[in-house]
Amino acid sequence: MIMLPFKWVITAKANGTSRSDLNSAINWIANNFGGLEYAGPAATAAAAVWGGKEGKQLERRLGKTGELTFNDLHDILGQDFGPAMMWLCAGLLATEGHGDIEWLLSLDQPEDEE
C-alpha cells in the first residue's frame, strides 16, 4: 500500500517533475485536503525524495548523512507515512497530471530501453 505510491513519486521525479511542480502539488494538497495537517507530511515525504535543502534538514534531524531510506521516512512520519505518500500522489496527479489518471498510471510503466 505504501510502496506503490512511493514508487510513483520516485518515478515522477525521475521523469522530470520539478521542484516547482512539487510545490504546486503540495499547495494543492493544502488547499483541497485541509491545510498543513495534510500538506506538512506530504511535504516531508517530498523533501526526502527530492532532497535539496529540505532533504538535508531531514538528514540532520535524523543524524544521518546521505540519502534517506524508506525506513528513515517511516521513522519521521510514523503512521502518517502511508497517507502522506497517497496525498502527495493525489497532489501530483491533480497538478502535474492535470487530473488525468493515465498520467499516474504511466508512472507504473517500465522505461523503454534504448
Protein backbone atom coordinates (compact mmCIF):
# COMPACT_ATOMS: atom_id res chain seq x y z
CA MET A 1 0.00 0.00 0.00
CA ILE A 2 2.88 2.37 0.67
CA MET A 3 5.40 1.06 -1.86
CA LEU A 4 3.31 1.79 -4.97
CA PRO A 5 2.73 5.50 -4.17
CA PHE A 6 6.39 5.72 -3.10
CA LYS A 7 7.43 4.26 -6.47
CA TRP A 8 5.13 6.69 -8.32
CA VAL A 9 6.68 9.66 -6.53
CA ILE A 10 10.23 8.48 -7.25
CA THR A 11 9.33 7.83 -10.90
CA ALA A 12 7.71 11.26 -11.20
CA LYS A 13 10.98 12.80 -10.03
CA ALA A 14 12.99 10.67 -12.45
CA ASN A 15 10.65 11.70 -15.28
CA GLY A 16 11.38 15.38 -14.73
CA THR A 17 8.79 16.58 -12.24
CA SER A 18 10.46 19.74 -10.96
CA ARG A 19 10.60 21.26 -7.50
CA SER A 20 8.21 23.94 -8.78
CA ASP A 21 5.77 21.22 -9.87
CA LEU A 22 6.20 19.61 -6.48
CA ASN A 23 5.43 22.89 -4.69
CA SER A 24 2.28 23.26 -6.79
CA ALA A 25 1.21 19.77 -5.75
CA ILE A 26 1.82 20.50 -2.07
CA ASN A 27 -0.11 23.77 -2.32
CA TRP A 28 -2.94 21.86 -3.98
CA ILE A 29 -2.96 19.41 -1.06
CA ALA A 30 -3.11 22.29 1.44
CA ASN A 31 -5.95 23.99 -0.43
CA ASN A 32 -8.02 20.86 -1.08
CA PHE A 33 -7.39 18.49 1.83
CA GLY A 34 -7.26 20.71 4.89
CA GLY A 35 -4.11 22.75 5.15
CA LEU A 36 -0.88 21.96 6.91
CA GLU A 37 -2.23 18.84 8.62
CA TYR A 38 -2.13 17.12 5.22
CA ALA A 39 0.37 19.20 3.29
CA GLY A 40 3.02 19.02 6.04
CA PRO A 41 3.52 15.23 5.96
CA ALA A 42 3.32 15.27 2.14
CA ALA A 43 5.99 18.00 2.02
CA THR A 44 8.18 15.95 4.36
CA ALA A 45 7.83 12.90 2.11
CA ALA A 46 8.61 15.06 -0.92
CA ALA A 47 11.70 16.54 0.76
CA ALA A 48 13.03 13.07 1.44
CA VAL A 49 12.56 12.03 -2.20
CA TRP A 50 13.59 15.29 -3.90
CA GLY A 51 16.45 16.07 -1.50
CA GLY A 52 17.88 19.56 -1.69
CA LYS A 53 17.89 21.93 1.28
CA GLU A 54 14.79 20.37 2.81
CA GLY A 55 16.21 16.87 2.43
CA LYS A 56 19.40 17.95 4.17
CA GLN A 57 17.35 19.29 7.09
CA LEU A 58 15.68 15.89 7.44
CA GLU A 59 19.06 14.16 7.33
CA ARG A 60 20.36 16.40 10.14
CA ARG A 61 17.22 15.73 12.17
CA LEU A 62 17.93 12.01 11.97
CA GLY A 63 21.68 12.43 12.41
CA LYS A 64 22.31 10.85 9.01
CA THR A 65 24.45 11.69 6.05
CA GLY A 66 23.50 10.69 2.54
CA GLU A 67 20.13 9.84 1.05
CA LEU A 68 17.27 8.98 3.34
CA THR A 69 15.82 5.49 3.13
CA PHE A 70 12.26 4.23 3.14
CA ASN A 71 12.72 3.29 6.82
CA ASP A 72 14.04 6.77 7.66
CA LEU A 73 10.94 8.32 6.17
CA HIS A 74 8.78 5.94 8.17
CA ASP A 75 10.68 6.93 11.33
CA ILE A 76 9.97 10.61 10.65
CA LEU A 77 6.31 10.34 9.67
CA GLY A 78 5.16 7.32 11.65
CA GLN A 79 1.54 6.47 10.93
CA ASP A 80 1.30 9.42 8.51
CA PHE A 81 3.81 7.86 6.11
CA GLY A 82 1.27 5.93 4.02
CA PRO A 83 -1.29 8.73 3.86
CA ALA A 84 1.44 11.29 3.09
CA MET A 85 2.55 9.29 0.05
CA MET A 86 -1.06 8.98 -1.14
CA TRP A 87 -1.71 12.70 -0.59
CA LEU A 88 1.47 13.55 -2.48
CA CYS A 89 0.41 11.33 -5.39
CA ALA A 90 -3.04 12.96 -5.37
CA GLY A 91 -1.46 16.42 -5.48
CA LEU A 92 0.90 15.46 -8.29
CA LEU A 93 -1.95 13.86 -10.21
CA ALA A 94 -4.09 16.97 -9.83
CA THR A 95 -1.38 19.43 -10.82
CA GLU A 96 1.30 17.71 -12.90
CA GLY A 97 -1.11 15.16 -14.38
CA HIS A 98 -3.94 17.70 -14.83
CA GLY A 99 -6.35 15.25 -13.19
CA ASP A 100 -5.75 12.54 -15.82
CA ILE A 101 -5.39 9.17 -14.09
CA GLU A 102 -3.43 7.94 -17.11
CA TRP A 103 -0.58 10.25 -16.05
CA LEU A 104 -0.31 8.45 -12.73
CA LEU A 105 -0.67 5.03 -14.32
CA SER A 106 2.09 5.93 -16.81
CA LEU A 107 4.45 6.09 -13.84
CA ASP A 108 3.88 2.36 -13.41
CA GLN A 109 5.22 1.56 -16.88
CA PRO A 110 8.77 0.28 -17.32
CA GLU A 111 11.16 2.66 -19.05
CA ASP A 112 11.90 1.86 -22.69
CA GLU A 113 15.44 0.62 -23.09
CA GLU A 114 17.46 2.13 -25.90
